[in-house]
Protein backbone atom coordinates (compact mmCIF):
# COMPACT_ATOMS: atom_id res chain seq x y z
CA UNK A 1 3.79 -1.73 -16.13
CA UNK A 2 2.50 -4.48 -13.77
CA UNK A 3 6.11 -5.52 -13.03
CA UNK A 4 7.50 -2.14 -12.16
CA UNK A 5 7.40 -2.91 -8.47
CA UNK A 6 9.38 -6.14 -9.12
CA UNK A 7 11.95 -4.15 -11.05
CA UNK A 8 12.18 -1.67 -8.20
CA UNK A 9 12.62 -4.56 -5.75
CA UNK A 10 15.32 -6.27 -7.91
CA UNK A 11 17.24 -3.00 -8.25
CA UNK A 12 17.18 -2.55 -4.37
CA UNK A 13 18.33 -6.15 -3.83
CA UNK A 14 21.06 -5.79 -6.38
CA UNK A 15 22.49 -2.85 -4.44
CA UNK A 16 22.09 -4.71 -1.10
CA UNK A 17 23.29 -8.15 -2.18
CA UNK A 18 25.24 -7.47 -5.40
CA UNK A 19 28.34 -9.45 -6.29
CA UNK A 20 27.55 -12.53 -4.22
CA UNK A 21 28.20 -15.82 -5.97
CA UNK A 22 25.36 -17.58 -4.11
CA UNK A 23 22.91 -15.21 -5.77
CA UNK A 24 24.32 -15.31 -9.31
CA UNK A 25 21.51 -17.63 -10.55
CA UNK A 26 18.84 -16.92 -7.90
CA UNK A 27 15.31 -15.96 -8.90
CA UNK A 28 13.88 -12.68 -7.46
CA UNK A 29 11.77 -14.79 -5.13
CA UNK A 30 14.82 -16.67 -3.85
CA UNK A 31 16.79 -13.42 -3.47
CA UNK A 32 13.99 -11.88 -1.42
CA UNK A 33 13.86 -14.94 0.85
CA UNK A 34 17.64 -14.92 1.42
CA UNK A 35 17.63 -11.14 2.11
CA UNK A 36 14.76 -11.41 4.55
CA UNK A 37 16.32 -14.37 6.42
CA UNK A 38 19.53 -12.55 6.85
CA UNK A 39 17.79 -9.40 8.14
CA UNK A 40 15.82 -11.47 10.67
CA UNK A 41 19.06 -13.24 11.75
CA UNK A 42 20.64 -9.78 12.33
CA UNK A 43 17.67 -8.82 14.56
CA UNK A 44 18.29 -12.13 16.49
CA UNK A 45 21.97 -11.29 16.83
CA UNK A 46 23.07 -13.86 14.27
CA UNK A 47 21.21 -16.85 15.73
CA UNK A 48 19.06 -19.15 13.68
CA UNK A 49 15.68 -17.87 12.35
CA UNK A 50 13.99 -20.96 13.79
CA UNK A 51 13.77 -19.04 16.97
CA UNK A 52 11.79 -16.30 15.39
CA UNK A 53 8.42 -17.61 16.57
CA UNK A 54 9.60 -17.20 20.14
CA UNK A 55 10.23 -13.48 19.74
CA UNK A 56 7.58 -11.57 21.72
CA UNK A 57 5.14 -9.32 20.00
CA UNK A 58 5.15 -5.53 20.29
CA UNK A 59 1.91 -3.54 20.75
CA UNK A 60 1.02 0.13 20.35
CA UNK A 61 0.25 0.17 24.07
CA UNK A 62 3.85 -0.94 24.87
CA UNK A 63 5.22 1.74 22.62
CA UNK A 64 3.06 4.38 24.34
CA UNK A 65 4.17 3.20 27.76
CA UNK A 66 7.90 3.34 26.91
CA UNK A 67 9.42 6.57 28.21
CA UNK A 68 11.01 8.51 25.32
CA UNK A 69 9.67 6.18 22.69
CA UNK A 70 9.12 7.82 19.33
CA UNK A 71 7.86 6.78 15.94
CA UNK A 72 9.33 9.82 14.21
CA UNK A 73 11.10 8.70 11.09
CA UNK A 74 14.64 9.77 10.15
CA UNK A 75 15.53 11.30 6.77
CA UNK A 76 16.70 7.93 5.52
CA UNK A 77 13.48 6.26 6.70
CA UNK A 78 11.45 8.98 4.91
CA UNK A 79 13.43 8.32 1.74
CA UNK A 80 12.75 4.63 1.98
CA UNK A 81 9.06 5.39 2.25
CA UNK A 82 9.19 7.75 -0.72
CA UNK A 83 11.07 5.11 -2.74
CA UNK A 84 8.28 2.61 -2.10
CA UNK A 85 5.56 5.04 -2.95
CA UNK A 86 7.31 5.92 -6.15
CA UNK A 87 7.77 2.26 -7.03
CA UNK A 88 4.19 1.47 -6.28
CA UNK A 89 2.84 4.50 -8.08
CA UNK A 90 4.58 3.48 -11.25
CA UNK A 91 1.97 0.66 -11.41
CA UNK A 92 -0.66 3.33 -11.64
CA UNK A 93 0.63 6.35 -13.61
CA UNK A 94 3.41 7.47 -15.93
CA UNK A 95 4.85 10.81 -16.98
CA UNK A 96 1.91 11.48 -19.38
CA UNK A 97 -0.67 11.50 -16.56
CA UNK A 98 -2.32 14.41 -14.76
CA UNK A 99 -2.99 13.33 -11.23
CA UNK A 100 -5.50 14.80 -8.78
CA UNK A 101 -4.61 14.05 -5.11
CA UNK A 102 -7.65 14.25 -2.87
CA UNK A 103 -5.65 13.50 0.33
CA UNK A 104 -3.97 15.88 2.81
CA UNK A 105 -0.54 16.75 1.43
CA UNK A 106 1.04 18.30 4.53
CA UNK A 107 4.50 17.07 5.53
CA UNK A 108 4.42 13.49 6.77
CA UNK A 109 0.99 12.70 5.38
CA UNK A 110 0.19 9.96 2.84
CA UNK A 111 -0.87 12.55 0.31
CA UNK A 112 2.57 14.22 0.60
CA UNK A 113 4.29 10.95 -0.25
CA UNK A 114 1.98 10.41 -3.26
CA UNK A 115 2.55 13.97 -4.42
CA UNK A 116 6.38 13.65 -4.21
CA UNK A 117 6.24 10.17 -5.86
CA UNK A 118 4.23 11.62 -8.81
CA UNK A 119 6.77 14.35 -9.11
CA UNK A 120 9.58 11.73 -9.24
CA UNK A 121 7.64 9.96 -12.05
CA UNK A 122 7.26 13.23 -13.93
CA UNK A 123 3.46 13.43 -13.90
CA UNK A 124 1.55 16.67 -13.44
CA UNK A 125 -0.14 16.85 -10.06
CA UNK A 126 -3.05 18.87 -8.69
CA UNK A 127 -3.39 18.85 -4.89
CA UNK A 128 -6.72 18.87 -3.12
CA UNK A 129 -5.57 21.43 -0.47
CA UNK A 130 -4.50 23.91 -3.20
CA UNK A 131 -7.85 23.92 -5.00
CA UNK A 132 -10.63 23.47 -2.51
CA UNK A 133 -11.72 24.19 1.03
CA UNK A 134 -11.48 20.86 2.71
CA UNK A 135 -14.74 19.61 4.17
CA UNK A 136 -15.34 16.44 6.24
CA UNK A 137 -18.55 15.53 4.46
CA UNK A 138 -17.43 15.97 0.90
CA UNK A 139 -20.84 17.47 0.04
CA UNK A 140 -22.57 17.73 -3.38
CA UNK A 141 -21.24 21.22 -4.19
CA UNK A 142 -17.63 20.15 -3.54
CA UNK A 143 -18.06 16.95 -5.51
CA UNK A 144 -19.37 18.98 -8.48
CA UNK A 145 -16.41 21.31 -8.24
CA UNK A 146 -13.97 18.40 -8.25
CA UNK A 147 -15.64 16.77 -11.26
CA UNK A 148 -15.50 20.10 -13.18
CA UNK A 149 -11.76 20.31 -12.27
CA UNK A 150 -11.25 16.78 -13.68
CA UNK A 151 -12.92 17.92 -16.96
CA UNK A 152 -11.10 21.23 -17.13
CA UNK A 153 -7.60 19.90 -16.37
CA UNK A 154 -7.90 16.67 -18.33
CA UNK A 155 -7.19 14.65 -15.17
CA UNK A 156 -6.41 10.96 -15.90
CA UNK A 157 -5.82 9.62 -12.44
CA UNK A 158 -7.34 10.38 -8.99
CA UNK A 159 -5.77 9.32 -5.68
CA UNK A 160 -8.32 9.44 -2.87
CA UNK A 161 -9.99 7.57 -0.08
CA UNK A 162 -12.71 5.03 -1.07
CA UNK A 163 -15.32 7.26 0.71
CA UNK A 164 -14.32 10.30 -1.35
CA UNK A 165 -14.38 8.38 -4.59
CA UNK A 166 -17.75 6.97 -3.87
CA UNK A 167 -19.04 10.49 -3.38
CA UNK A 168 -17.50 11.53 -6.70
CA UNK A 169 -18.94 8.47 -8.47
CA UNK A 170 -22.48 9.19 -7.21
CA UNK A 171 -22.11 12.87 -8.34
CA UNK A 172 -20.83 11.78 -11.73
CA UNK A 173 -23.81 9.39 -12.12
CA UNK A 174 -26.18 12.15 -11.13
CA UNK A 175 -24.65 14.56 -13.60
CA UNK A 176 -24.78 11.99 -16.42
CA UNK A 177 -28.44 11.42 -15.78
CA UNK A 178 -28.97 15.17 -16.18
CA UNK A 179 -27.25 15.11 -19.51
CA UNK A 180 -23.63 16.00 -18.59
CA UNK A 181 -20.76 14.36 -20.29
CA UNK A 182 -19.54 11.22 -18.65
CA UNK A 183 -16.10 11.31 -16.99
CA UNK A 184 -13.52 8.68 -17.80
CA UNK A 185 -10.27 8.16 -15.93
CA UNK A 186 -7.31 5.99 -16.86
CA UNK A 187 -6.67 4.94 -13.20
CA UNK A 188 -7.86 5.41 -9.62
CA UNK A 189 -5.70 4.73 -6.62
CA UNK A 190 -7.56 4.16 -3.32
CA UNK A 191 -5.85 4.82 -0.05
CA UNK A 192 -7.06 5.42 3.49
CA UNK A 193 -9.72 2.87 4.05
CA UNK A 194 -11.28 -0.38 3.02
CA UNK A 195 -12.66 -0.63 -0.52
CA UNK A 196 -15.25 -3.42 -0.71
CA UNK A 197 -15.45 -5.29 -3.91
CA UNK A 198 -18.79 -3.73 -4.76
CA UNK A 199 -17.17 -0.26 -4.41
CA UNK A 200 -14.37 -1.21 -6.75
CA UNK A 201 -16.89 -2.53 -9.30
CA UNK A 202 -18.94 0.63 -9.07
CA UNK A 203 -15.92 2.81 -9.65
CA UNK A 204 -14.79 0.72 -12.60
CA UNK A 205 -18.29 0.98 -14.24
CA UNK A 206 -18.78 4.70 -13.71
CA UNK A 207 -15.23 5.92 -14.51
CA UNK A 208 -14.14 3.05 -16.82
CA UNK A 209 -10.90 3.06 -14.84
CA UNK A 210 -8.37 0.58 -13.59
CA UNK A 211 -8.62 0.49 -9.76
CA UNK A 212 -5.58 0.17 -7.61
CA UNK A 213 -5.43 -0.09 -3.80
CA UNK A 214 -2.67 1.04 -1.47
CA UNK A 215 -2.44 -0.22 2.05
CA UNK A 216 -0.75 1.58 4.90
CA UNK A 217 -0.78 1.80 8.72
CA UNK A 218 -0.72 5.54 9.37
CA UNK A 219 0.14 5.41 13.10
CA UNK A 220 3.49 3.85 12.39
CA UNK A 221 4.18 5.64 9.11
CA UNK A 222 4.29 2.55 6.89
CA UNK A 223 2.96 1.90 3.43
CA UNK A 224 3.16 -1.86 3.08
CA UNK A 225 1.24 -3.12 0.06
CA UNK A 226 -0.17 -2.04 -3.34
CA UNK A 227 -2.36 -3.86 -5.83
CA UNK A 228 -1.32 -4.37 -9.40
CA UNK A 229 -4.68 -3.64 -11.02
CA UNK A 230 -5.56 -7.29 -11.73
CA UNK A 231 -8.00 -7.52 -8.75
CA UNK A 232 -6.08 -10.34 -7.27
CA UNK A 233 -4.79 -8.87 -4.07
CA UNK A 234 -1.93 -6.55 -3.10
CA UNK A 235 1.82 -7.14 -3.38
CA UNK A 236 3.67 -6.47 -0.20
CA UNK A 237 6.79 -4.36 0.39
CA UNK A 238 9.23 -7.14 1.08
CA UNK A 239 12.42 -5.07 0.88
CA UNK A 240 11.62 -3.16 3.96
CA UNK A 241 8.98 -5.08 5.88
CA UNK A 242 8.56 -8.67 7.02
CA UNK A 243 4.88 -9.46 7.31
CA UNK A 244 3.33 -12.28 9.36
CA UNK A 245 -0.29 -13.14 9.88
CA UNK A 246 -1.17 -14.48 13.27
CA UNK A 247 -4.13 -15.91 15.06
CA UNK A 248 -5.02 -12.97 17.36
CA UNK A 249 -5.93 -15.32 20.23
CA UNK A 250 -3.27 -17.96 20.17
CA UNK A 251 -0.44 -15.98 18.54
CA UNK A 252 0.14 -18.89 16.12
CA UNK A 253 1.45 -17.88 12.70
CA UNK A 254 -0.94 -18.35 9.75
CA UNK A 255 1.05 -19.85 6.85
CA UNK A 256 -0.82 -22.58 4.96
CA UNK A 257 -3.73 -22.79 2.61
CA UNK A 258 -7.16 -23.08 4.28
CA UNK A 259 -9.05 -26.23 3.31
CA UNK A 260 -12.26 -24.14 3.31
CA UNK A 261 -10.91 -21.48 0.95
CA UNK A 262 -8.62 -23.02 -1.62
CA UNK A 263 -5.97 -20.54 -2.82
CA UNK A 264 -6.19 -18.52 0.38
CA UNK A 265 -5.02 -18.87 3.96
CA UNK A 266 -7.24 -18.25 6.96
CA UNK A 267 -7.49 -14.57 8.05
CA UNK A 268 -4.94 -13.36 10.58
CA UNK A 269 -3.80 -10.21 12.25
CA UNK A 270 -1.02 -8.47 10.33
CA UNK A 271 2.27 -8.30 12.25
CA UNK A 272 5.13 -6.13 10.97
CA UNK A 273 8.96 -6.31 11.46
CA UNK A 274 10.79 -3.47 9.83
CA UNK A 275 14.02 -4.53 8.11
CA UNK A 276 15.72 -1.27 7.36
CA UNK A 277 14.52 1.47 9.64
CA UNK A 278 17.24 3.81 11.08
CA UNK A 279 14.76 5.11 13.69
CA UNK A 280 11.68 3.65 15.34
CA UNK A 281 12.32 -0.01 14.35
CA UNK A 282 9.40 -2.37 14.95
CA UNK A 283 9.76 -6.05 15.80
CA UNK A 284 6.65 -8.25 15.48
CA UNK A 285 4.42 -5.24 15.82
CA UNK A 286 0.71 -6.14 16.11
CA UNK A 287 -1.15 -3.71 13.84
CA UNK A 288 -4.74 -4.63 14.56
CA UNK A 289 -5.30 -4.93 10.80
CA UNK A 290 -6.44 -8.18 9.24
CA UNK A 291 -5.95 -10.01 5.97
CA UNK A 292 -5.17 -13.37 4.45
CA UNK A 293 -2.53 -14.73 2.12
CA UNK A 294 -3.21 -15.42 -1.57
CA UNK A 295 -1.22 -18.32 -2.83
CA UNK A 296 -0.24 -19.07 -6.47
CA UNK A 297 1.08 -16.80 -9.24
CA UNK A 298 -0.44 -13.48 -9.75
CA UNK A 299 -1.76 -12.81 -13.26
CA UNK A 300 0.64 -9.82 -13.50
CA UNK A 301 3.58 -12.24 -13.11
CA UNK A 302 5.06 -10.59 -9.96
CA UNK A 303 7.21 -12.59 -7.60
CA UNK A 304 6.07 -10.53 -4.60
CA UNK A 305 3.83 -12.11 -1.99
CA UNK A 306 0.15 -11.06 -1.92
CA UNK A 307 -2.41 -10.12 0.69
CA UNK A 308 -6.14 -10.18 0.11
CA UNK A 309 -8.31 -7.19 1.19
CA UNK A 310 -6.83 -5.48 4.27
CA UNK A 311 -9.38 -4.81 7.02
CA UNK A 312 -8.62 -2.00 9.47
CA UNK A 313 -9.28 -2.63 13.24
CA UNK A 314 -12.78 -1.19 13.20
CA UNK A 315 -13.80 -3.64 10.48
CA UNK A 316 -13.05 -6.77 12.47
């Protein structure tokens, strides 16, 4: 299960690069690096990638100032997004699961991608908007309703924001103290906010579930990383996005291991370059989000690069 995202990546690269003699004996990591370099060379009009560090950054303010600029995705781009959500969600669920989605599922929303991805996998889905009146606070009565739904429907996986899952965990602990049956889930996928380690540990303890985290930047419509469940960072979406970490003051790229934190780089701002977008391409887009590289092999065996916890702009 942990290598499903690698399999999805390999299948994608096989279609993109299939039949080339130079890739006949390449590892997946080598194929990813070759593919990425060729995509970046195309962005640079065929010139050498050594010039990449001189390419100027793009900011949200620049996009807002450009007349006629739009981040609306084409149908092909939306399909790329759905393919990634499906590949990532295969780490979390299979066709035997019943999945509760506690995220907005309107067109274009993250919850809609998760819902469609779960359908692709063949799981049964129950959508938040279809069952409850949405409230901003996620109060006690609503939490009790959701927990009862989990019991009644035999739900095995919940996809929700960390804030909403914390509310459910507190409600479940309160009910257990009052004598109610404990609720166990097979998996929980957190999306839409930072999940501190203590939050992950609490959810693991209360629901006895494997915890997965999904990272995205909503304002540009990009899901870019998903954890494998081993608690060792999130694997990035290397088929569609080239990620750099930069020093936000100097613009210098963060690449190497930090002497103060062996196994990790220093923290840097996440910078995106999209590799396959038909519409709204982004080149060295400064997201305002922060993370650090995790070096070495992941316990799951994946070849994909890993980021540590992703901090949204308000957290840094």
